[in-house]
Amino acid sequence: MKALKDYIIPFVGLKVGEHHFDFQIDNTFLTHFEYDEFNAVDVNIDLKFEKKSTLLELYFSATGIINLNCDITNEPYNQSIKDDFKLVVKFGNEYNDDNEDILIVPHGEYEINVAQYIYELIILAVPIKRIHPGIEDGTLQSDILSKLEELSPSEDHKTESSEGIDPRWNNLKKLLTDK
């Protein structure tokens, strides 16, 4: 975790007020968390760090593009993300991160590591169901989609099977429509 030292913010030396930190996130950041579901990551994190006399307020804002594979076709595509997260850091007797919006650190702490919060913000900003935009508008051409279309039942097959139905069933269908 030495590589994540860039995400440690020593807040003791900061003046009371607002401070800004920018982080550029790529694949190497996610490899520290052993997360490899994305092909490429290019996300900018803007952190507004507000130091007050009794607590710290952190406003994370993530914008960028993540290249990932579609859940249906496994074709890679670029997914744009935009998400925000607010974290309040209070001081107490012992470390406590049970609440997702409030972090309690011991009184003697002088720095905070924001890497885990950036990681979670990026992962949660991606939609649960990842669908290539070409599928939604019908412009995607792929081997998988063409094979699915080839194997799907056609309209001709449905009409042939309806002609082979016993005529007694047709009389029963009339009962449903004669109401």
N, C-alpha and C. Protein backbone atom coordinates (compact mmCIF):
# COMPACT_ATOMS: atom_id res chain seq x y z
N MET A 1 0.81 -1.21 0.00
CA MET A 1 0.00 0.00 0.00
C MET A 1 0.85 1.27 0.00
N LYS A 2 2.16 1.11 -0.17
CA LYS A 2 3.02 2.29 -0.24
C LYS A 2 2.68 3.17 -1.44
N ALA A 3 2.20 2.53 -2.51
CA ALA A 3 1.90 3.28 -3.73
C ALA A 3 0.70 4.21 -3.54
N LEU A 4 -0.10 3.96 -2.53
CA LEU A 4 -1.27 4.79 -2.29
C LEU A 4 -0.99 5.97 -1.35
N LYS A 5 0.28 6.27 -1.13
CA LYS A 5 0.62 7.37 -0.22
C LYS A 5 0.21 8.73 -0.78
N ASP A 6 -0.01 8.80 -2.11
CA ASP A 6 -0.47 10.06 -2.71
C ASP A 6 -1.88 10.43 -2.26
N TYR A 7 -2.60 9.45 -1.73
CA TYR A 7 -3.99 9.67 -1.33
C TYR A 7 -4.13 9.92 0.18
N ILE A 8 -3.01 10.11 0.84
CA ILE A 8 -3.01 10.45 2.26
C ILE A 8 -2.95 11.96 2.40
N ILE A 9 -3.91 12.52 3.10
CA ILE A 9 -3.98 13.98 3.28
C ILE A 9 -3.65 14.30 4.73
N PRO A 10 -2.51 14.96 4.97
CA PRO A 10 -2.19 15.37 6.34
C PRO A 10 -2.95 16.66 6.66
N PHE A 11 -3.98 16.55 7.48
CA PHE A 11 -4.84 17.70 7.73
C PHE A 11 -4.38 18.57 8.89
N VAL A 12 -3.40 18.12 9.66
CA VAL A 12 -2.93 18.92 10.80
C VAL A 12 -2.29 20.22 10.33
N GLY A 13 -1.55 20.19 9.26
CA GLY A 13 -0.85 21.38 8.78
C GLY A 13 -1.73 22.32 7.97
N LEU A 14 -2.97 21.94 7.68
CA LEU A 14 -3.85 22.78 6.87
C LEU A 14 -4.56 23.81 7.73
N LYS A 15 -4.78 24.98 7.15
CA LYS A 15 -5.52 26.02 7.85
C LYS A 15 -7.00 25.70 7.82
N VAL A 16 -7.71 26.29 8.77
CA VAL A 16 -9.17 26.13 8.78
C VAL A 16 -9.71 26.81 7.53
N GLY A 17 -10.56 26.07 6.81
CA GLY A 17 -11.13 26.60 5.57
C GLY A 17 -11.18 25.53 4.49
N GLU A 18 -11.34 26.00 3.26
CA GLU A 18 -11.53 25.09 2.13
C GLU A 18 -10.23 24.85 1.37
N HIS A 19 -10.00 23.59 1.02
CA HIS A 19 -8.83 23.19 0.25
C HIS A 19 -9.28 22.25 -0.87
N HIS A 20 -8.54 22.26 -1.98
CA HIS A 20 -8.90 21.41 -3.12
C HIS A 20 -7.76 20.46 -3.45
N PHE A 21 -8.14 19.21 -3.76
CA PHE A 21 -7.19 18.20 -4.19
C PHE A 21 -7.75 17.53 -5.44
N ASP A 22 -6.89 17.29 -6.41
CA ASP A 22 -7.29 16.61 -7.64
C ASP A 22 -6.50 15.31 -7.77
N PHE A 23 -7.21 14.26 -8.14
CA PHE A 23 -6.58 12.96 -8.34
C PHE A 23 -6.98 12.44 -9.72
N GLN A 24 -5.99 11.97 -10.48
CA GLN A 24 -6.26 11.35 -11.78
C GLN A 24 -6.14 9.84 -11.58
N ILE A 25 -7.23 9.14 -11.81
CA ILE A 25 -7.30 7.70 -11.54
C ILE A 25 -7.19 6.92 -12.85
N ASP A 26 -6.34 5.88 -12.84
CA ASP A 26 -6.22 4.99 -13.99
C ASP A 26 -6.19 3.54 -13.49
N ASN A 27 -5.85 2.62 -14.38
CA ASN A 27 -5.88 1.20 -14.02
C ASN A 27 -4.92 0.84 -12.89
N THR A 28 -3.80 1.53 -12.78
CA THR A 28 -2.83 1.18 -11.74
C THR A 28 -3.42 1.40 -10.35
N PHE A 29 -4.28 2.38 -10.21
CA PHE A 29 -4.93 2.62 -8.92
C PHE A 29 -5.79 1.42 -8.54
N LEU A 30 -6.58 0.91 -9.50
CA LEU A 30 -7.48 -0.20 -9.19
C LEU A 30 -6.74 -1.51 -8.97
N THR A 31 -5.54 -1.65 -9.51
CA THR A 31 -4.78 -2.89 -9.29
C THR A 31 -4.34 -3.02 -7.83
N HIS A 32 -4.22 -1.91 -7.13
CA HIS A 32 -3.87 -1.97 -5.70
C HIS A 32 -5.01 -2.58 -4.88
N PHE A 33 -6.23 -2.49 -5.42
CA PHE A 33 -7.38 -3.08 -4.75
C PHE A 33 -7.75 -4.43 -5.37
N GLU A 34 -6.88 -4.93 -6.26
CA GLU A 34 -7.07 -6.21 -6.95
C GLU A 34 -8.41 -6.26 -7.68
N TYR A 35 -8.74 -5.17 -8.35
CA TYR A 35 -9.98 -5.07 -9.12
C TYR A 35 -9.61 -4.98 -10.60
N ASP A 36 -10.07 -5.94 -11.38
CA ASP A 36 -9.67 -5.98 -12.78
C ASP A 36 -10.84 -6.15 -13.75
N GLU A 37 -12.03 -5.69 -13.39
CA GLU A 37 -13.19 -5.83 -14.27
C GLU A 37 -13.24 -4.76 -15.36
N PHE A 38 -12.46 -3.71 -15.24
CA PHE A 38 -12.48 -2.64 -16.23
C PHE A 38 -11.29 -2.81 -17.18
N ASN A 39 -11.51 -2.48 -18.46
CA ASN A 39 -10.42 -2.54 -19.45
C ASN A 39 -9.50 -1.34 -19.29
N ALA A 40 -10.09 -0.16 -19.16
CA ALA A 40 -9.32 1.08 -19.02
C ALA A 40 -10.11 2.05 -18.17
N VAL A 41 -9.40 2.85 -17.39
CA VAL A 41 -10.04 3.81 -16.50
C VAL A 41 -9.37 5.17 -16.69
N ASP A 42 -10.19 6.19 -16.87
CA ASP A 42 -9.71 7.56 -16.95
C ASP A 42 -10.71 8.45 -16.21
N VAL A 43 -10.52 8.57 -14.91
CA VAL A 43 -11.47 9.28 -14.05
C VAL A 43 -10.72 10.36 -13.29
N ASN A 44 -11.33 11.53 -13.22
CA ASN A 44 -10.78 12.64 -12.46
C ASN A 44 -11.60 12.80 -11.18
N ILE A 45 -10.91 12.81 -10.06
CA ILE A 45 -11.57 13.01 -8.76
C ILE A 45 -11.23 14.40 -8.27
N ASP A 46 -12.26 15.18 -8.02
CA ASP A 46 -12.09 16.51 -7.45
C ASP A 46 -12.53 16.43 -5.99
N LEU A 47 -11.61 16.69 -5.08
CA LEU A 47 -11.91 16.60 -3.66
C LEU A 47 -11.88 17.99 -3.05
N LYS A 48 -13.03 18.41 -2.54
CA LYS A 48 -13.11 19.67 -1.80
C LYS A 48 -13.02 19.30 -0.33
N PHE A 49 -11.94 19.71 0.29
CA PHE A 49 -11.63 19.36 1.67
C PHE A 49 -11.87 20.60 2.52
N GLU A 50 -12.88 20.54 3.38
CA GLU A 50 -13.21 21.69 4.22
C GLU A 50 -12.87 21.36 5.67
N LYS A 51 -11.87 22.09 6.18
CA LYS A 51 -11.44 21.87 7.56
C LYS A 51 -12.16 22.87 8.46
N LYS A 52 -12.80 22.34 9.49
CA LYS A 52 -13.47 23.17 10.48
C LYS A 52 -12.81 22.90 11.82
N SER A 53 -13.19 23.65 12.82
CA SER A 53 -12.50 23.52 14.11
C SER A 53 -12.74 22.18 14.79
N THR A 54 -13.90 21.56 14.59
CA THR A 54 -14.20 20.30 15.28
C THR A 54 -14.37 19.10 14.35
N LEU A 55 -14.44 19.34 13.05
CA LEU A 55 -14.62 18.22 12.13
C LEU A 55 -14.08 18.56 10.74
N LEU A 56 -14.08 17.57 9.87
CA LEU A 56 -13.63 17.74 8.49
C LEU A 56 -14.76 17.30 7.57
N GLU A 57 -14.97 18.04 6.50
CA GLU A 57 -15.97 17.66 5.50
C GLU A 57 -15.26 17.45 4.17
N LEU A 58 -15.49 16.30 3.56
CA LEU A 58 -14.86 15.95 2.29
C LEU A 58 -15.96 15.76 1.25
N TYR A 59 -15.86 16.49 0.15
CA TYR A 59 -16.81 16.38 -0.95
C TYR A 59 -16.07 15.81 -2.15
N PHE A 60 -16.37 14.56 -2.48
CA PHE A 60 -15.75 13.89 -3.62
C PHE A 60 -16.64 14.06 -4.84
N SER A 61 -16.03 14.34 -5.98
CA SER A 61 -16.76 14.43 -7.23
C SER A 61 -15.96 13.68 -8.29
N ALA A 62 -16.59 12.66 -8.90
CA ALA A 62 -15.91 11.83 -9.89
C ALA A 62 -16.54 12.03 -11.26
N THR A 63 -15.72 12.31 -12.26
CA THR A 63 -16.17 12.39 -13.65
C THR A 63 -15.12 11.72 -14.52
N GLY A 64 -15.58 11.00 -15.52
CA GLY A 64 -14.63 10.36 -16.42
C GLY A 64 -15.25 9.27 -17.24
N ILE A 65 -14.38 8.48 -17.85
CA ILE A 65 -14.80 7.41 -18.74
C ILE A 65 -14.13 6.11 -18.32
N ILE A 66 -14.91 5.04 -18.31
CA ILE A 66 -14.41 3.72 -17.99
C ILE A 66 -14.73 2.81 -19.17
N ASN A 67 -13.73 2.10 -19.67
CA ASN A 67 -13.94 1.15 -20.75
C ASN A 67 -14.16 -0.22 -20.11
N LEU A 68 -15.32 -0.81 -20.38
CA LEU A 68 -15.67 -2.09 -19.80
C LEU A 68 -16.41 -2.94 -20.82
N ASN A 69 -16.64 -4.20 -20.48
CA ASN A 69 -17.32 -5.11 -21.39
C ASN A 69 -18.81 -5.16 -21.10
N CYS A 70 -19.58 -5.28 -22.17
CA CYS A 70 -21.03 -5.37 -22.08
C CYS A 70 -21.42 -6.70 -21.43
N ASP A 71 -22.46 -6.70 -20.61
CA ASP A 71 -22.92 -7.93 -19.97
C ASP A 71 -23.60 -8.87 -20.95
N ILE A 72 -24.14 -8.35 -22.03
CA ILE A 72 -24.88 -9.18 -22.99
C ILE A 72 -23.95 -9.74 -24.07
N THR A 73 -23.16 -8.86 -24.69
CA THR A 73 -22.35 -9.28 -25.84
C THR A 73 -20.87 -9.44 -25.53
N ASN A 74 -20.44 -8.98 -24.39
CA ASN A 74 -19.03 -8.98 -23.99
C ASN A 74 -18.17 -8.08 -24.89
N GLU A 75 -18.80 -7.16 -25.62
CA GLU A 75 -18.10 -6.19 -26.45
C GLU A 75 -17.64 -5.04 -25.57
N PRO A 76 -16.41 -4.55 -25.73
CA PRO A 76 -15.96 -3.40 -24.93
C PRO A 76 -16.62 -2.10 -25.41
N TYR A 77 -16.91 -1.23 -24.47
CA TYR A 77 -17.46 0.09 -24.78
C TYR A 77 -17.07 1.07 -23.68
N ASN A 78 -17.19 2.36 -23.98
CA ASN A 78 -16.87 3.41 -23.01
C ASN A 78 -18.12 3.83 -22.26
N GLN A 79 -18.04 3.76 -20.94
CA GLN A 79 -19.14 4.17 -20.07
C GLN A 79 -18.71 5.44 -19.34
N SER A 80 -19.47 6.52 -19.55
CA SER A 80 -19.13 7.74 -18.83
C SER A 80 -19.76 7.67 -17.45
N ILE A 81 -19.02 8.18 -16.46
CA ILE A 81 -19.52 8.18 -15.09
C ILE A 81 -19.45 9.58 -14.52
N LYS A 82 -20.37 9.83 -13.61
CA LYS A 82 -20.38 11.10 -12.87
C LYS A 82 -21.09 10.80 -11.57
N ASP A 83 -20.40 11.05 -10.46
CA ASP A 83 -20.99 10.75 -9.16
C ASP A 83 -20.36 11.64 -8.10
N ASP A 84 -21.07 11.81 -7.00
CA ASP A 84 -20.62 12.64 -5.88
C ASP A 84 -20.75 11.84 -4.59
N PHE A 85 -19.95 12.24 -3.61
CA PHE A 85 -19.99 11.58 -2.30
C PHE A 85 -19.52 12.57 -1.25
N LYS A 86 -20.21 12.60 -0.12
CA LYS A 86 -19.83 13.49 0.98
C LYS A 86 -19.46 12.64 2.18
N LEU A 87 -18.33 12.98 2.79
CA LEU A 87 -17.86 12.27 3.97
C LEU A 87 -17.57 13.28 5.06
N VAL A 88 -18.07 13.01 6.25
CA VAL A 88 -17.80 13.85 7.41
C VAL A 88 -16.85 13.08 8.33
N VAL A 89 -15.76 13.72 8.71
CA VAL A 89 -14.77 13.11 9.60
C VAL A 89 -14.86 13.81 10.95
N LYS A 90 -15.19 13.03 11.96
CA LYS A 90 -15.27 13.56 13.33
C LYS A 90 -14.16 12.92 14.16
N PHE A 91 -13.91 13.52 15.30
CA PHE A 91 -12.87 13.01 16.19
C PHE A 91 -13.51 12.40 17.42
N GLY A 92 -13.03 11.21 17.82
CA GLY A 92 -13.58 10.51 18.97
C GLY A 92 -12.50 9.75 19.70
N ASN A 93 -12.93 8.82 20.55
CA ASN A 93 -11.97 8.04 21.35
C ASN A 93 -11.29 6.95 20.52
N GLU A 94 -12.03 6.34 19.58
CA GLU A 94 -11.46 5.26 18.78
C GLU A 94 -11.96 5.33 17.34
N TYR A 95 -11.24 4.64 16.46
CA TYR A 95 -11.58 4.61 15.04
C TYR A 95 -12.91 3.88 14.84
N ASN A 96 -13.81 4.46 14.02
CA ASN A 96 -15.11 3.85 13.75
C ASN A 96 -15.57 4.27 12.37
N ASP A 97 -15.78 3.29 11.49
CA ASP A 97 -16.29 3.58 10.15
C ASP A 97 -17.56 2.79 9.85
N ASP A 98 -18.37 2.53 10.90
CA ASP A 98 -19.60 1.78 10.74
C ASP A 98 -20.61 2.52 9.86
N ASN A 99 -20.68 3.82 9.99
CA ASN A 99 -21.58 4.62 9.17
C ASN A 99 -20.86 5.01 7.89
N GLU A 100 -21.52 4.85 6.74
CA GLU A 100 -20.85 5.11 5.46
C GLU A 100 -20.62 6.59 5.20
N ASP A 101 -21.34 7.48 5.86
CA ASP A 101 -21.19 8.91 5.64
C ASP A 101 -20.37 9.61 6.71
N ILE A 102 -20.11 8.93 7.81
CA ILE A 102 -19.38 9.54 8.93
C ILE A 102 -18.20 8.62 9.31
N LEU A 103 -17.04 9.21 9.39
CA LEU A 103 -15.84 8.49 9.82
C LEU A 103 -15.38 9.12 11.12
N ILE A 104 -15.17 8.29 12.12
CA ILE A 104 -14.67 8.78 13.41
C ILE A 104 -13.23 8.30 13.55
N VAL A 105 -12.33 9.26 13.75
CA VAL A 105 -10.91 8.94 13.92
C VAL A 105 -10.49 9.35 15.33
N PRO A 106 -9.46 8.69 15.88
CA PRO A 106 -8.99 9.05 17.23
C PRO A 106 -8.46 10.48 17.27
N HIS A 107 -8.48 11.08 18.43
CA HIS A 107 -8.06 12.48 18.61
C HIS A 107 -6.62 12.72 18.18
N GLY A 108 -5.74 11.77 18.28
CA GLY A 108 -4.33 11.97 17.96
C GLY A 108 -4.01 11.88 16.46
N GLU A 109 -4.96 11.52 15.62
CA GLU A 109 -4.70 11.36 14.19
C GLU A 109 -4.33 12.70 13.56
N TYR A 110 -3.47 12.64 12.56
CA TYR A 110 -3.03 13.87 11.89
C TYR A 110 -3.18 13.77 10.38
N GLU A 111 -3.62 12.59 9.86
CA GLU A 111 -3.80 12.42 8.42
C GLU A 111 -4.95 11.46 8.16
N ILE A 112 -5.46 11.53 6.92
CA ILE A 112 -6.55 10.65 6.52
C ILE A 112 -6.24 10.11 5.13
N ASN A 113 -6.47 8.81 4.94
CA ASN A 113 -6.25 8.17 3.65
C ASN A 113 -7.60 8.09 2.93
N VAL A 114 -7.69 8.71 1.76
CA VAL A 114 -8.95 8.77 1.02
C VAL A 114 -9.01 7.76 -0.12
N ALA A 115 -8.02 6.89 -0.26
CA ALA A 115 -7.96 5.95 -1.37
C ALA A 115 -9.16 5.01 -1.39
N GLN A 116 -9.54 4.47 -0.25
CA GLN A 116 -10.67 3.54 -0.19
C GLN A 116 -11.97 4.22 -0.61
N TYR A 117 -12.15 5.47 -0.22
CA TYR A 117 -13.37 6.20 -0.57
C TYR A 117 -13.42 6.52 -2.07
N ILE A 118 -12.27 6.81 -2.66
CA ILE A 118 -12.20 7.05 -4.11
C ILE A 118 -12.51 5.75 -4.85
N TYR A 119 -11.95 4.66 -4.40
CA TYR A 119 -12.19 3.35 -5.01
C TYR A 119 -13.69 3.02 -4.99
N GLU A 120 -14.33 3.16 -3.84
CA GLU A 120 -15.75 2.85 -3.71
C GLU A 120 -16.60 3.78 -4.56
N LEU A 121 -16.22 5.05 -4.64
CA LEU A 121 -16.97 6.01 -5.46
C LEU A 121 -16.95 5.60 -6.93
N ILE A 122 -15.79 5.18 -7.42
CA ILE A 122 -15.68 4.78 -8.83
C ILE A 122 -16.47 3.51 -9.10
N ILE A 123 -16.31 2.52 -8.25
CA ILE A 123 -16.99 1.23 -8.46
C ILE A 123 -18.50 1.40 -8.39
N LEU A 124 -19.00 2.20 -7.47
CA LEU A 124 -20.44 2.38 -7.32
C LEU A 124 -21.04 3.33 -8.36
N ALA A 125 -20.21 4.08 -9.06
CA ALA A 125 -20.71 4.99 -10.10
C ALA A 125 -21.05 4.25 -11.39
N VAL A 126 -20.50 3.06 -11.56
CA VAL A 126 -20.77 2.27 -12.77
C VAL A 126 -22.14 1.59 -12.61
N PRO A 127 -22.97 1.61 -13.66
CA PRO A 127 -24.28 0.96 -13.57
C PRO A 127 -24.15 -0.54 -13.28
N ILE A 128 -25.13 -1.09 -12.61
CA ILE A 128 -25.10 -2.51 -12.27
C ILE A 128 -25.19 -3.35 -13.53
N LYS A 129 -26.13 -3.01 -14.40
CA LYS A 129 -26.28 -3.72 -15.67
C LYS A 129 -25.56 -2.93 -16.74
N ARG A 130 -24.53 -3.51 -17.29
CA ARG A 130 -23.68 -2.82 -18.26
C ARG A 130 -24.10 -3.23 -19.67
N ILE A 131 -24.79 -2.32 -20.36
CA ILE A 131 -25.30 -2.61 -21.69
C ILE A 131 -24.68 -1.66 -22.70
N HIS A 132 -24.12 -2.22 -23.75
CA HIS A 132 -23.50 -1.44 -24.82
C HIS A 132 -24.56 -0.52 -25.44
N PRO A 133 -24.24 0.76 -25.67
CA PRO A 133 -25.22 1.68 -26.25
C PRO A 133 -25.69 1.24 -27.64
N GLY A 134 -24.88 0.47 -28.35
CA GLY A 134 -25.26 -0.02 -29.66
C GLY A 134 -26.38 -1.05 -29.61
N ILE A 135 -26.54 -1.72 -28.50
CA ILE A 135 -27.63 -2.68 -28.35
C ILE A 135 -28.96 -1.94 -28.22
N GLU A 136 -28.95 -0.87 -27.43
CA GLU A 136 -30.19 -0.12 -27.20
C GLU A 136 -30.71 0.54 -28.46
N ASP A 137 -29.82 1.06 -29.31
CA ASP A 137 -30.29 1.71 -30.53
C ASP A 137 -30.20 0.81 -31.76
N GLY A 138 -29.73 -0.43 -31.59
CA GLY A 138 -29.73 -1.40 -32.68
C GLY A 138 -28.60 -1.26 -33.69
N THR A 139 -27.56 -0.51 -33.39
CA THR A 139 -26.49 -0.29 -34.34
C THR A 139 -25.29 -1.21 -34.13
N LEU A 140 -25.27 -1.97 -33.05
CA LEU A 140 -24.12 -2.83 -32.76
C LEU A 140 -24.14 -4.07 -33.64
N GLN A 141 -23.05 -4.33 -34.32
CA GLN A 141 -22.89 -5.54 -35.12
C GLN A 141 -21.80 -6.39 -34.46
N SER A 142 -22.19 -7.55 -33.98
CA SER A 142 -21.21 -8.44 -33.36
C SER A 142 -21.53 -9.88 -33.69
N ASP A 143 -20.55 -10.74 -33.52
CA ASP A 143 -20.73 -12.16 -33.81
C ASP A 143 -21.78 -12.79 -32.89
N ILE A 144 -21.78 -12.37 -31.64
CA ILE A 144 -22.71 -12.94 -30.67
C ILE A 144 -24.14 -12.58 -31.03
N LEU A 145 -24.39 -11.32 -31.38
CA LEU A 145 -25.75 -10.92 -31.73
C LEU A 145 -26.23 -11.59 -33.00
N SER A 146 -25.36 -11.75 -33.98
CA SER A 146 -25.76 -12.41 -35.22
C SER A 146 -26.06 -13.90 -34.96
N LYS A 147 -25.31 -14.54 -34.08
CA LYS A 147 -25.57 -15.95 -33.74
C LYS A 147 -26.89 -16.08 -32.98
N LEU A 148 -27.17 -15.15 -32.07
CA LEU A 148 -28.45 -15.17 -31.35
C LEU A 148 -29.62 -14.99 -32.31
N GLU A 149 -29.47 -14.11 -33.27
CA GLU A 149 -30.53 -13.89 -34.25
C GLU A 149 -30.71 -15.12 -35.13
N GLU A 150 -29.63 -15.78 -35.48
CA GLU A 150 -29.69 -16.99 -36.30
C GLU A 150 -30.42 -18.11 -35.56
N LEU A 151 -30.19 -18.22 -34.26
CA LEU A 151 -30.79 -19.31 -33.48
C LEU A 151 -32.18 -18.99 -32.94
N SER A 152 -32.62 -17.76 -33.05
CA SER A 152 -33.94 -17.41 -32.52
C SER A 152 -35.02 -17.95 -33.45
N PRO A 153 -36.19 -18.32 -32.91
CA PRO A 153 -37.27 -18.84 -33.75
C PRO A 153 -37.78 -17.75 -34.70
N SER A 154 -38.01 -18.13 -35.94
CA SER A 154 -38.45 -17.15 -36.93
C SER A 154 -39.97 -17.13 -37.03
N GLU A 155 -40.51 -16.13 -37.73
CA GLU A 155 -41.95 -16.00 -37.92
C GLU A 155 -42.48 -17.13 -38.79
N ASP A 156 -41.73 -17.57 -39.80
CA ASP A 156 -42.16 -18.64 -40.68
C ASP A 156 -42.37 -19.92 -39.89
N HIS A 157 -41.51 -20.16 -38.93
CA HIS A 157 -41.61 -21.36 -38.10
C HIS A 157 -42.89 -21.35 -37.28
N LYS A 158 -43.30 -20.18 -36.80
CA LYS A 158 -44.51 -20.07 -35.98
C LYS A 158 -45.76 -20.35 -36.81
N THR A 159 -45.85 -19.87 -38.05
CA THR A 159 -47.03 -20.09 -38.87
C THR A 159 -47.14 -21.55 -39.29
N GLU A 160 -46.01 -22.22 -39.54
CA GLU A 160 -46.04 -23.63 -39.89
C GLU A 160 -46.58 -24.46 -38.74
N SER A 161 -46.17 -24.12 -37.53
CA SER A 161 -46.61 -24.90 -36.39
C SER A 161 -48.08 -24.65 -36.08
N SER A 162 -48.63 -23.47 -36.39
CA SER A 162 -50.04 -23.20 -36.12
C SER A 162 -50.94 -23.92 -37.12
N GLU A 163 -50.42 -24.21 -38.34
CA GLU A 163 -51.21 -24.95 -39.31
C GLU A 163 -51.35 -26.40 -38.91
N GLY A 164 -50.39 -26.93 -38.20
CA GLY A 164 -50.42 -28.33 -37.81
C GLY A 164 -51.21 -28.59 -36.53
N ILE A 165 -51.94 -27.61 -36.03
CA ILE A 165 -52.69 -27.76 -34.78
C ILE A 165 -53.99 -28.52 -35.07
N ASP A 166 -54.34 -29.36 -34.16
CA ASP A 166 -55.59 -30.12 -34.25
C ASP A 166 -56.76 -29.13 -34.30
N PRO A 167 -57.71 -29.28 -35.23
CA PRO A 167 -58.83 -28.33 -35.36
C PRO A 167 -59.71 -28.26 -34.13
N ARG A 168 -59.69 -29.28 -33.29
CA ARG A 168 -60.50 -29.23 -32.06
C ARG A 168 -60.03 -28.12 -31.13
N TRP A 169 -58.70 -27.85 -31.15
CA TRP A 169 -58.15 -26.77 -30.31
C TRP A 169 -58.65 -25.42 -30.82
N ASN A 170 -58.80 -25.27 -32.12
CA ASN A 170 -59.32 -24.01 -32.68
C ASN A 170 -60.73 -23.75 -32.19
N ASN A 171 -61.55 -24.81 -32.06
CA ASN A 171 -62.91 -24.65 -31.54
C ASN A 171 -62.88 -24.21 -30.08
N LEU A 172 -61.92 -24.71 -29.32
CA LEU A 172 -61.80 -24.28 -27.93
C LEU A 172 -61.36 -22.82 -27.83
N LYS A 173 -60.51 -22.38 -28.75
CA LYS A 173 -60.09 -20.98 -28.76
C LYS A 173 -61.26 -20.05 -29.04
N LYS A 174 -62.23 -20.52 -29.84
CA LYS A 174 -63.42 -19.71 -30.14
C LYS A 174 -64.22 -19.44 -28.88
N LEU A 175 -64.23 -20.41 -27.96
CA LEU A 175 -64.97 -20.23 -26.71
C LEU A 175 -64.42 -19.05 -25.90
N LEU A 176 -63.12 -18.84 -25.96
CA LEU A 176 -62.52 -17.72 -25.23
C LEU A 176 -62.90 -16.38 -25.85
N THR A 177 -63.07 -16.31 -27.15
CA THR A 177 -63.37 -15.04 -27.82
C THR A 177 -64.86 -14.78 -27.96
N ASP A 178 -65.72 -15.76 -27.73
CA ASP A 178 -67.17 -15.59 -27.89
C ASP A 178 -67.84 -14.97 -26.69
N LYS A 179 -67.14 -14.59 -25.67
CA LYS A 179 -67.75 -14.05 -24.45
C LYS A 179 -68.53 -12.86 -24.74
